[in-house]
Amino acid sequence: MPLIQLTHQAAEVIEEAGKSQEVALLVNDRLDIVLAARKQGIKVDGIHVGQKDIPVDVCREYLGEELIVGLSARADELFEYIKTADVSQLDYFGVGPLRETQTKPDCGLGQDGKVISKSFDDIAKIAELSSIPVVVGGGVKLADIPSLAQTGADGFFVCQL
């Protein structure tokens, strides 16, 4: 199924649940899909990219100030990156993974090719260090939400297979 159609379906589910003003629909890594979907009138709220994906300044140029731009940093650089990154064009940092995930097997890979997961204590430290909101993803389960809520993270995303 084309990504624009999937994006449309996700937007419809959010709207039918009456949550369009509370739940942000972001597209991962695909600025072209965000732009095409919005051109078709689909409510897409922004994009999430990684350090090696489309540059944040390009996303911001095309999406303007009103849409969300989130960024994940490499797991092995995360603490240093959060302390030193220019966040002027970002709305949030995506951090994780909490544990390995089937939906994105390369999530959190270190230089040695092994997954570097984050503990709840790590997430609490990241939330404390960050000057912008922190959203946690990667292997997050519904049962993790109460513990994540105690870390000071501003949000999370869950993918149930």
N, C-alpha and C. Protein backbone atom coordinates (compact mmCIF):
# COMPACT_ATOMS: atom_id res chain seq x y z
N MET A 1 0.85 -1.18 0.00
CA MET A 1 0.00 0.00 0.00
C MET A 1 0.90 1.25 0.00
N PRO A 2 0.62 2.20 -0.84
CA PRO A 2 1.43 3.42 -0.90
C PRO A 2 1.45 4.17 0.44
N LEU A 3 2.58 4.79 0.73
CA LEU A 3 2.75 5.48 2.01
C LEU A 3 1.76 6.63 2.20
N ILE A 4 1.41 7.31 1.14
CA ILE A 4 0.45 8.41 1.27
C ILE A 4 -0.91 7.85 1.71
N GLN A 5 -1.29 6.72 1.17
CA GLN A 5 -2.56 6.10 1.56
C GLN A 5 -2.51 5.64 3.02
N LEU A 6 -1.40 5.07 3.44
CA LEU A 6 -1.25 4.67 4.84
C LEU A 6 -1.32 5.88 5.77
N THR A 7 -0.70 6.96 5.34
CA THR A 7 -0.73 8.20 6.13
C THR A 7 -2.16 8.71 6.24
N HIS A 8 -2.89 8.64 5.14
CA HIS A 8 -4.29 9.06 5.14
C HIS A 8 -5.11 8.21 6.10
N GLN A 9 -4.89 6.90 6.06
CA GLN A 9 -5.63 6.01 6.97
C GLN A 9 -5.31 6.33 8.43
N ALA A 10 -4.06 6.58 8.73
CA ALA A 10 -3.68 6.92 10.10
C ALA A 10 -4.35 8.22 10.53
N ALA A 11 -4.37 9.21 9.66
CA ALA A 11 -5.01 10.49 9.97
C ALA A 11 -6.51 10.29 10.21
N GLU A 12 -7.13 9.43 9.43
CA GLU A 12 -8.56 9.15 9.61
C GLU A 12 -8.84 8.47 10.94
N VAL A 13 -8.01 7.52 11.33
CA VAL A 13 -8.19 6.85 12.62
C VAL A 13 -8.10 7.86 13.76
N ILE A 14 -7.12 8.74 13.68
CA ILE A 14 -6.96 9.77 14.72
C ILE A 14 -8.18 10.68 14.75
N GLU A 15 -8.64 11.08 13.58
CA GLU A 15 -9.81 11.97 13.50
C GLU A 15 -11.07 11.28 14.02
N GLU A 16 -11.28 10.02 13.62
CA GLU A 16 -12.47 9.28 14.06
C GLU A 16 -12.48 9.08 15.57
N ALA A 17 -11.31 9.03 16.17
CA ALA A 17 -11.21 8.89 17.63
C ALA A 17 -11.40 10.24 18.33
N GLY A 18 -11.56 11.31 17.54
CA GLY A 18 -11.72 12.64 18.12
C GLY A 18 -10.46 13.18 18.75
N LYS A 19 -9.30 12.76 18.27
CA LYS A 19 -8.02 13.13 18.88
C LYS A 19 -7.13 13.97 17.98
N SER A 20 -7.67 14.54 16.91
CA SER A 20 -6.85 15.29 15.96
C SER A 20 -6.12 16.47 16.59
N GLN A 21 -6.67 17.03 17.66
CA GLN A 21 -6.02 18.17 18.31
C GLN A 21 -5.07 17.73 19.41
N GLU A 22 -5.08 16.44 19.77
CA GLU A 22 -4.27 15.95 20.87
C GLU A 22 -3.15 15.02 20.41
N VAL A 23 -3.34 14.32 19.31
CA VAL A 23 -2.38 13.34 18.82
C VAL A 23 -1.73 13.86 17.54
N ALA A 24 -0.41 13.92 17.55
CA ALA A 24 0.33 14.40 16.38
C ALA A 24 0.66 13.21 15.48
N LEU A 25 0.38 13.37 14.20
CA LEU A 25 0.75 12.37 13.20
C LEU A 25 2.03 12.84 12.52
N LEU A 26 3.10 12.07 12.74
CA LEU A 26 4.39 12.37 12.14
C LEU A 26 4.77 11.25 11.19
N VAL A 27 5.45 11.60 10.13
CA VAL A 27 5.96 10.63 9.17
C VAL A 27 7.46 10.48 9.43
N ASN A 28 7.92 9.24 9.44
CA ASN A 28 9.33 8.96 9.71
C ASN A 28 10.16 9.07 8.43
N ASP A 29 11.12 9.98 8.42
CA ASP A 29 12.16 10.08 7.39
C ASP A 29 11.71 10.53 6.00
N ARG A 30 10.45 10.70 5.73
CA ARG A 30 9.99 10.92 4.35
C ARG A 30 9.32 12.29 4.19
N LEU A 31 10.15 13.29 3.93
CA LEU A 31 9.64 14.64 3.70
C LEU A 31 8.72 14.67 2.50
N ASP A 32 9.03 13.88 1.46
CA ASP A 32 8.19 13.84 0.28
C ASP A 32 6.77 13.38 0.60
N ILE A 33 6.63 12.42 1.51
CA ILE A 33 5.31 11.92 1.89
C ILE A 33 4.56 12.97 2.70
N VAL A 34 5.25 13.66 3.61
CA VAL A 34 4.61 14.73 4.38
C VAL A 34 4.06 15.79 3.43
N LEU A 35 4.88 16.23 2.49
CA LEU A 35 4.47 17.29 1.57
C LEU A 35 3.33 16.84 0.66
N ALA A 36 3.43 15.64 0.12
CA ALA A 36 2.38 15.14 -0.79
C ALA A 36 1.07 14.93 -0.04
N ALA A 37 1.14 14.38 1.16
CA ALA A 37 -0.07 14.14 1.95
C ALA A 37 -0.74 15.47 2.31
N ARG A 38 0.04 16.42 2.75
CA ARG A 38 -0.54 17.73 3.10
C ARG A 38 -1.15 18.41 1.87
N LYS A 39 -0.53 18.25 0.71
CA LYS A 39 -1.07 18.82 -0.52
C LYS A 39 -2.44 18.23 -0.84
N GLN A 40 -2.64 16.96 -0.45
CA GLN A 40 -3.93 16.29 -0.66
C GLN A 40 -4.92 16.58 0.46
N GLY A 41 -4.54 17.42 1.41
CA GLY A 41 -5.44 17.79 2.49
C GLY A 41 -5.42 16.84 3.68
N ILE A 42 -4.46 15.95 3.74
CA ILE A 42 -4.34 15.01 4.85
C ILE A 42 -3.66 15.72 6.01
N LYS A 43 -4.21 15.57 7.22
CA LYS A 43 -3.64 16.23 8.39
C LYS A 43 -2.41 15.47 8.86
N VAL A 44 -1.25 15.97 8.48
CA VAL A 44 0.04 15.46 8.93
C VAL A 44 0.69 16.60 9.70
N ASP A 45 1.18 16.29 10.90
CA ASP A 45 1.68 17.33 11.78
C ASP A 45 3.18 17.57 11.70
N GLY A 46 3.91 16.67 11.02
CA GLY A 46 5.35 16.89 10.92
C GLY A 46 6.11 15.65 10.54
N ILE A 47 7.41 15.68 10.85
CA ILE A 47 8.34 14.64 10.44
C ILE A 47 9.30 14.31 11.58
N HIS A 48 9.76 13.07 11.56
CA HIS A 48 10.82 12.64 12.47
C HIS A 48 11.97 12.12 11.61
N VAL A 49 13.18 12.61 11.87
CA VAL A 49 14.35 12.19 11.10
C VAL A 49 15.49 11.80 12.04
N GLY A 50 16.46 11.09 11.48
CA GLY A 50 17.68 10.76 12.20
C GLY A 50 18.80 11.67 11.73
N GLN A 51 19.92 11.63 12.44
CA GLN A 51 21.05 12.50 12.10
C GLN A 51 21.54 12.28 10.67
N LYS A 52 21.42 11.07 10.16
CA LYS A 52 21.93 10.76 8.82
C LYS A 52 20.83 10.78 7.76
N ASP A 53 19.65 11.24 8.12
CA ASP A 53 18.55 11.35 7.17
C ASP A 53 18.53 12.77 6.58
N ILE A 54 17.42 13.16 6.05
CA ILE A 54 17.28 14.50 5.47
C ILE A 54 17.61 15.53 6.56
N PRO A 55 18.40 16.54 6.27
CA PRO A 55 18.79 17.50 7.30
C PRO A 55 17.61 18.27 7.89
N VAL A 56 17.72 18.55 9.17
CA VAL A 56 16.67 19.27 9.89
C VAL A 56 16.38 20.61 9.24
N ASP A 57 17.41 21.34 8.80
CA ASP A 57 17.18 22.66 8.21
C ASP A 57 16.38 22.56 6.91
N VAL A 58 16.56 21.49 6.16
CA VAL A 58 15.78 21.28 4.94
C VAL A 58 14.33 20.99 5.31
N CYS A 59 14.12 20.14 6.31
CA CYS A 59 12.75 19.86 6.78
C CYS A 59 12.07 21.15 7.21
N ARG A 60 12.78 21.94 8.00
CA ARG A 60 12.19 23.18 8.51
C ARG A 60 11.89 24.14 7.37
N GLU A 61 12.75 24.21 6.38
CA GLU A 61 12.54 25.10 5.23
C GLU A 61 11.23 24.74 4.51
N TYR A 62 10.99 23.46 4.30
CA TYR A 62 9.81 23.04 3.56
C TYR A 62 8.55 22.97 4.43
N LEU A 63 8.70 22.73 5.72
CA LEU A 63 7.54 22.56 6.58
C LEU A 63 7.17 23.81 7.35
N GLY A 64 8.06 24.80 7.39
CA GLY A 64 7.76 26.02 8.11
C GLY A 64 7.85 25.83 9.61
N GLU A 65 7.50 26.86 10.32
CA GLU A 65 7.61 26.84 11.79
C GLU A 65 6.42 26.15 12.45
N GLU A 66 5.30 26.03 11.74
CA GLU A 66 4.09 25.50 12.38
C GLU A 66 4.08 23.98 12.49
N LEU A 67 4.86 23.28 11.68
CA LEU A 67 4.87 21.82 11.75
C LEU A 67 6.00 21.32 12.64
N ILE A 68 5.85 20.11 13.13
CA ILE A 68 6.79 19.50 14.06
C ILE A 68 7.97 18.88 13.31
N VAL A 69 9.16 19.13 13.83
CA VAL A 69 10.36 18.45 13.33
C VAL A 69 11.06 17.84 14.55
N GLY A 70 11.17 16.51 14.53
CA GLY A 70 11.84 15.79 15.61
C GLY A 70 13.07 15.08 15.08
N LEU A 71 14.04 14.86 15.96
CA LEU A 71 15.32 14.28 15.56
C LEU A 71 15.77 13.23 16.56
N SER A 72 16.26 12.10 16.02
CA SER A 72 16.95 11.10 16.84
C SER A 72 18.44 11.19 16.56
N ALA A 73 19.21 11.00 17.60
CA ALA A 73 20.67 10.95 17.44
C ALA A 73 21.11 9.50 17.59
N ARG A 74 22.29 9.19 17.08
CA ARG A 74 22.82 7.84 17.24
C ARG A 74 22.87 7.49 18.72
N ALA A 75 22.52 6.27 19.04
CA ALA A 75 22.45 5.83 20.43
C ALA A 75 23.77 5.99 21.16
N ASP A 76 24.89 5.76 20.47
CA ASP A 76 26.18 5.83 21.14
C ASP A 76 26.67 7.26 21.34
N GLU A 77 26.00 8.23 20.75
CA GLU A 77 26.39 9.64 20.87
C GLU A 77 25.35 10.46 21.61
N LEU A 78 24.31 9.83 22.08
CA LEU A 78 23.13 10.55 22.52
C LEU A 78 23.38 11.54 23.66
N PHE A 79 24.05 11.11 24.74
CA PHE A 79 24.24 12.02 25.88
C PHE A 79 25.02 13.26 25.47
N GLU A 80 26.10 13.07 24.73
CA GLU A 80 26.91 14.21 24.29
C GLU A 80 26.14 15.07 23.30
N TYR A 81 25.43 14.43 22.40
CA TYR A 81 24.68 15.16 21.37
C TYR A 81 23.62 16.06 22.01
N ILE A 82 22.90 15.53 22.97
CA ILE A 82 21.84 16.31 23.61
C ILE A 82 22.41 17.54 24.31
N LYS A 83 23.62 17.42 24.85
CA LYS A 83 24.25 18.56 25.54
C LYS A 83 24.76 19.62 24.56
N THR A 84 25.13 19.23 23.33
CA THR A 84 25.83 20.15 22.44
C THR A 84 25.06 20.53 21.17
N ALA A 85 23.98 19.86 20.88
CA ALA A 85 23.27 20.08 19.60
C ALA A 85 22.61 21.44 19.53
N ASP A 86 22.58 21.98 18.32
CA ASP A 86 21.81 23.19 18.04
C ASP A 86 20.35 22.76 17.91
N VAL A 87 19.53 23.17 18.83
CA VAL A 87 18.12 22.74 18.85
C VAL A 87 17.19 23.83 18.32
N SER A 88 17.74 24.86 17.73
CA SER A 88 16.93 26.01 17.32
C SER A 88 15.85 25.66 16.29
N GLN A 89 16.05 24.59 15.53
CA GLN A 89 15.06 24.22 14.52
C GLN A 89 14.30 22.94 14.89
N LEU A 90 14.50 22.45 16.10
CA LEU A 90 13.88 21.20 16.54
C LEU A 90 12.74 21.45 17.51
N ASP A 91 11.79 20.52 17.47
CA ASP A 91 10.69 20.55 18.44
C ASP A 91 10.88 19.51 19.54
N TYR A 92 11.59 18.43 19.25
CA TYR A 92 11.84 17.40 20.25
C TYR A 92 12.99 16.51 19.82
N PHE A 93 13.56 15.80 20.80
CA PHE A 93 14.51 14.72 20.54
C PHE A 93 13.77 13.40 20.69
N GLY A 94 14.01 12.49 19.78
CA GLY A 94 13.55 11.12 19.93
C GLY A 94 14.70 10.31 20.50
N VAL A 95 14.46 9.62 21.61
CA VAL A 95 15.51 8.82 22.25
C VAL A 95 15.07 7.37 22.39
N GLY A 96 16.05 6.52 22.45
CA GLY A 96 15.79 5.10 22.61
C GLY A 96 16.89 4.33 21.93
N PRO A 97 16.70 3.08 21.73
CA PRO A 97 15.50 2.32 22.07
C PRO A 97 15.50 1.91 23.55
N LEU A 98 14.32 1.66 24.05
CA LEU A 98 14.19 1.11 25.38
C LEU A 98 14.65 -0.36 25.36
N ARG A 99 14.32 -1.03 24.27
CA ARG A 99 14.80 -2.39 24.02
C ARG A 99 14.77 -2.64 22.52
N GLU A 100 15.36 -3.73 22.07
CA GLU A 100 15.36 -4.06 20.65
C GLU A 100 13.92 -4.15 20.15
N THR A 101 13.73 -3.84 18.87
CA THR A 101 12.39 -3.82 18.31
C THR A 101 12.37 -4.50 16.94
N GLN A 102 11.30 -5.21 16.67
CA GLN A 102 11.14 -5.87 15.37
C GLN A 102 10.80 -4.88 14.27
N THR A 103 10.19 -3.75 14.63
CA THR A 103 9.75 -2.80 13.60
C THR A 103 10.90 -2.02 12.99
N LYS A 104 12.01 -1.91 13.72
CA LYS A 104 13.18 -1.20 13.20
C LYS A 104 14.43 -1.84 13.80
N PRO A 105 14.87 -2.96 13.19
CA PRO A 105 15.98 -3.73 13.76
C PRO A 105 17.28 -2.94 13.93
N ASP A 106 17.47 -1.87 13.14
CA ASP A 106 18.70 -1.09 13.26
C ASP A 106 18.60 0.04 14.27
N CYS A 107 17.50 0.12 14.99
CA CYS A 107 17.29 1.17 15.98
C CYS A 107 18.31 1.03 17.12
N GLY A 108 19.08 2.07 17.34
CA GLY A 108 20.03 2.09 18.44
C GLY A 108 21.34 1.37 18.19
N LEU A 109 21.65 1.11 16.93
CA LEU A 109 22.91 0.42 16.66
C LEU A 109 24.11 1.32 16.97
N GLY A 110 25.05 0.74 17.68
CA GLY A 110 26.30 1.44 17.96
C GLY A 110 27.28 1.21 16.83
N GLN A 111 28.46 1.79 16.96
CA GLN A 111 29.50 1.64 15.93
C GLN A 111 29.89 0.18 15.72
N ASP A 112 29.74 -0.63 16.77
CA ASP A 112 30.12 -2.05 16.69
C ASP A 112 29.00 -2.93 16.14
N GLY A 113 27.85 -2.33 15.79
CA GLY A 113 26.74 -3.10 15.22
C GLY A 113 25.81 -3.71 16.25
N LYS A 114 26.05 -3.45 17.53
CA LYS A 114 25.19 -3.98 18.59
C LYS A 114 24.21 -2.89 19.04
N VAL A 115 23.00 -3.32 19.41
CA VAL A 115 21.98 -2.38 19.87
C VAL A 115 22.34 -1.84 21.25
N ILE A 116 22.29 -0.53 21.39
CA ILE A 116 22.52 0.14 22.67
C ILE A 116 21.17 0.61 23.18
N SER A 117 20.58 -0.12 24.10
CA SER A 117 19.28 0.27 24.63
C SER A 117 19.47 1.27 25.77
N LYS A 118 18.39 1.96 26.08
CA LYS A 118 18.40 2.95 27.16
C LYS A 118 17.56 2.43 28.31
N SER A 119 18.07 2.58 29.52
CA SER A 119 17.32 2.21 30.72
C SER A 119 16.38 3.36 31.10
N PHE A 120 15.50 3.12 32.03
CA PHE A 120 14.65 4.19 32.53
C PHE A 120 15.50 5.28 33.19
N ASP A 121 16.59 4.89 33.86
CA ASP A 121 17.50 5.87 34.46
C ASP A 121 18.18 6.71 33.38
N ASP A 122 18.60 6.06 32.28
CA ASP A 122 19.19 6.80 31.16
C ASP A 122 18.20 7.83 30.62
N ILE A 123 16.97 7.40 30.45
CA ILE A 123 15.94 8.30 29.90
C ILE A 123 15.70 9.47 30.83
N ALA A 124 15.68 9.21 32.13
CA ALA A 124 15.52 10.30 33.10
C ALA A 124 16.67 11.30 32.98
N LYS A 125 17.90 10.81 32.83
CA LYS A 125 19.06 11.69 32.69
C LYS A 125 18.97 12.51 31.40
N ILE A 126 18.57 11.86 30.31
CA ILE A 126 18.42 12.55 29.03
C ILE A 126 17.36 13.64 29.14
N ALA A 127 16.23 13.32 29.76
CA ALA A 127 15.15 14.31 29.93
C ALA A 127 15.64 15.50 30.74
N GLU A 128 16.47 15.25 31.74
CA GLU A 128 17.01 16.32 32.57
C GLU A 128 18.00 17.19 31.79
N LEU A 129 18.82 16.57 30.94
CA LEU A 129 19.84 17.29 30.18
C LEU A 129 19.28 18.09 29.00
N SER A 130 18.19 17.62 28.45
CA SER A 130 17.69 18.21 27.21
C SER A 130 16.98 19.54 27.43
N SER A 131 17.24 20.47 26.55
CA SER A 131 16.58 21.77 26.61
C SER A 131 15.26 21.78 25.84
N ILE A 132 14.97 20.69 25.13
CA ILE A 132 13.71 20.56 24.41
C ILE A 132 13.03 19.25 24.83
N PRO A 133 11.76 19.07 24.51
CA PRO A 133 11.07 17.85 24.91
C PRO A 133 11.76 16.58 24.41
N VAL A 134 11.59 15.50 25.16
CA VAL A 134 12.14 14.20 24.84
C VAL A 134 10.99 13.21 24.66
N VAL A 135 11.04 12.48 23.54
CA VAL A 135 10.04 11.47 23.22
C VAL A 135 10.77 10.14 23.09
N VAL A 136 10.26 9.10 23.75
CA VAL A 136 10.94 7.81 23.81
C VAL A 136 10.27 6.82 22.87
N GLY A 137 11.09 6.09 22.12
CA GLY A 137 10.57 5.06 21.23
C GLY A 137 11.58 3.96 21.04
N GLY A 138 11.13 2.89 20.47
CA GLY A 138 11.98 1.74 20.20
C GLY A 138 11.77 0.66 21.23
N GLY A 139 10.93 -0.29 20.90
CA GLY A 139 10.67 -1.40 21.80
C GLY A 139 9.80 -1.06 22.99
N VAL A 140 9.15 0.09 22.99
CA VAL A 140 8.28 0.50 24.09
C VAL A 140 6.99 -0.31 24.03
N LYS A 141 6.60 -0.87 25.16
CA LYS A 141 5.35 -1.63 25.28
C LYS A 141 4.38 -0.84 26.14
N LEU A 142 3.12 -1.14 26.01
CA LEU A 142 2.12 -0.44 26.82
C LEU A 142 2.43 -0.53 28.31
N ALA A 143 2.95 -1.67 28.75
CA ALA A 143 3.27 -1.86 30.17
C ALA A 143 4.38 -0.93 30.64
N ASP A 144 5.16 -0.37 29.73
CA ASP A 144 6.27 0.53 30.08
C ASP A 144 5.81 1.95 30.38
N ILE A 145 4.62 2.29 29.96
CA ILE A 145 4.17 3.69 30.03
C ILE A 145 4.19 4.25 31.46
N PRO A 146 3.70 3.54 32.48
CA PRO A 146 3.79 4.11 33.83
C PRO A 146 5.23 4.42 34.26
N SER A 147 6.16 3.54 33.95
CA SER A 147 7.57 3.79 34.30
C SER A 147 8.14 4.94 33.49
N LEU A 148 7.80 5.01 32.21
CA LEU A 148 8.28 6.12 31.37
C LEU A 148 7.74 7.45 31.89
N ALA A 149 6.52 7.44 32.37
CA ALA A 149 5.92 8.68 32.88
C ALA A 149 6.71 9.22 34.07
N GLN A 150 7.41 8.35 34.78
CA GLN A 150 8.20 8.76 35.95
C GLN A 150 9.58 9.31 35.58
N THR A 151 9.99 9.18 34.31
CA THR A 151 11.34 9.59 33.90
C THR A 151 11.47 11.08 33.59
N GLY A 152 10.35 11.76 33.39
CA GLY A 152 10.40 13.15 32.97
C GLY A 152 10.36 13.31 31.46
N ALA A 153 10.31 12.18 30.72
CA ALA A 153 10.16 12.26 29.27
C ALA A 153 8.81 12.88 28.96
N ASP A 154 8.74 13.59 27.85
CA ASP A 154 7.53 14.32 27.49
C ASP A 154 6.54 13.48 26.69
N GLY A 155 6.98 12.36 26.15
CA GLY A 155 6.08 11.52 25.38
C GLY A 155 6.75 10.23 24.99
N PHE A 156 6.04 9.42 24.26
CA PHE A 156 6.52 8.12 23.86
C PHE A 156 5.73 7.67 22.64
N PHE A 157 6.27 6.71 21.94
CA PHE A 157 5.48 6.09 20.89
C PHE A 157 5.59 4.58 21.02
N VAL A 158 4.47 3.94 20.68
CA VAL A 158 4.32 2.50 20.83
C VAL A 158 3.88 1.93 19.50
N CYS A 159 4.47 0.84 19.10
CA CYS A 159 4.03 0.14 17.89
C CYS A 159 3.70 -1.27 18.31
N GLN A 160 2.44 -1.64 18.21
CA GLN A 160 2.00 -2.98 18.57
C GLN A 160 1.87 -3.81 17.30
N LEU A 161 2.59 -4.92 17.24
CA LEU A 161 2.49 -5.82 16.08
C LEU A 161 1.51 -6.91 16.36
